């Protein structure tokens, strides 16, 4: 009757409202991470300097004293927090795209690993969500494995930002940090290195699957020195979430980007996503395109204290072949045509 019709209408309205609220929470969760990625380090540094010039200077002085005392912590595995990694905000972050983690093989807790993550994209959103949070269940999929996402060491010189990053299990991508984790932190460690780095981000654009890998062999040498198994990881959809202005080789724009990359460690990209209130306008929010991260089969690596260039080249070649096979095996499952070829530069 009339009563049941009204009840049905109210239920529809309730679910509609709940859906809208969840979508807004997803947008907020992604926006806070984008702002963290882009401005948190600089903003916190400026705020700290300002506080030093006010009556609350003692608070800033105490933090700076703590910073000096704690300076080397990022190089020693950091200070992860399971509480932070399990924040509900990361589940909203995951669902915005959505982001999914696919396991293809078991990983032994008696071994250490170096994951090569490809491609970089603009912000490495899949790498962050999958390995620096528990939103996609990395600890359940790989029990006993501790993931450490490696990023620019310069981020750990920024006050507050460094502590925020460490809480998610993020570490500096430098030799001291990686050596410590792989040699003095027991077994069951997995360091995730976005191998292509800033150079690869310059070629990130929707519809393009290319990786910067041919001359990136340092991670293979590290794996050999520590006897850490190499694991290829490909994130389908990572390049789809932002649109970028691509400067041709030899252009003034590419020259400026390469200068920044060489001297500062990152390359400034001119990119855009969608607007905050509409997907039809430009803004900093990424487009809500699915990102599926596939963790491939580990390559067993022997421990060689001083590997020769021939040995490095051999295992690097094996890694490249394994990555291509991984891409070819799963590309059609995640929306790419069978004719799609992974471009290795």
Foldseek 3Di string as FASTA:
>chain_A
DVVVVVVVVVVVVVVVVVVVVLLLLLLVLLVVVLCLQPPVLVVQVVVLVVCCVDPNVVVSVVLVVVCVVCVCQLLQQFDAALVLLADPSLLSPCVLQPEEEAEDDADDQQAEAEEAEDDCAQPNSNCCSQQLHCNRPNCVVHPNAHEEEEDAPVQCVGPPSVNSNRRSRYHHPDDSSLCNCLPPVGGRYYYYYNQQAQVSNLVQAPPAFEGAAPPRLPVLQSCQQRQHWYKYKYKPCSSVFKHFDHDDPPDPQVVQQVVCCVPPNHGDTHIWAADSVDRVHTHHGTHSHYIYMYIGDIDGHHHDNGDDPVNSVVVSVVVVVRNQVVCLVCVVVRPHDNPDGYHYD
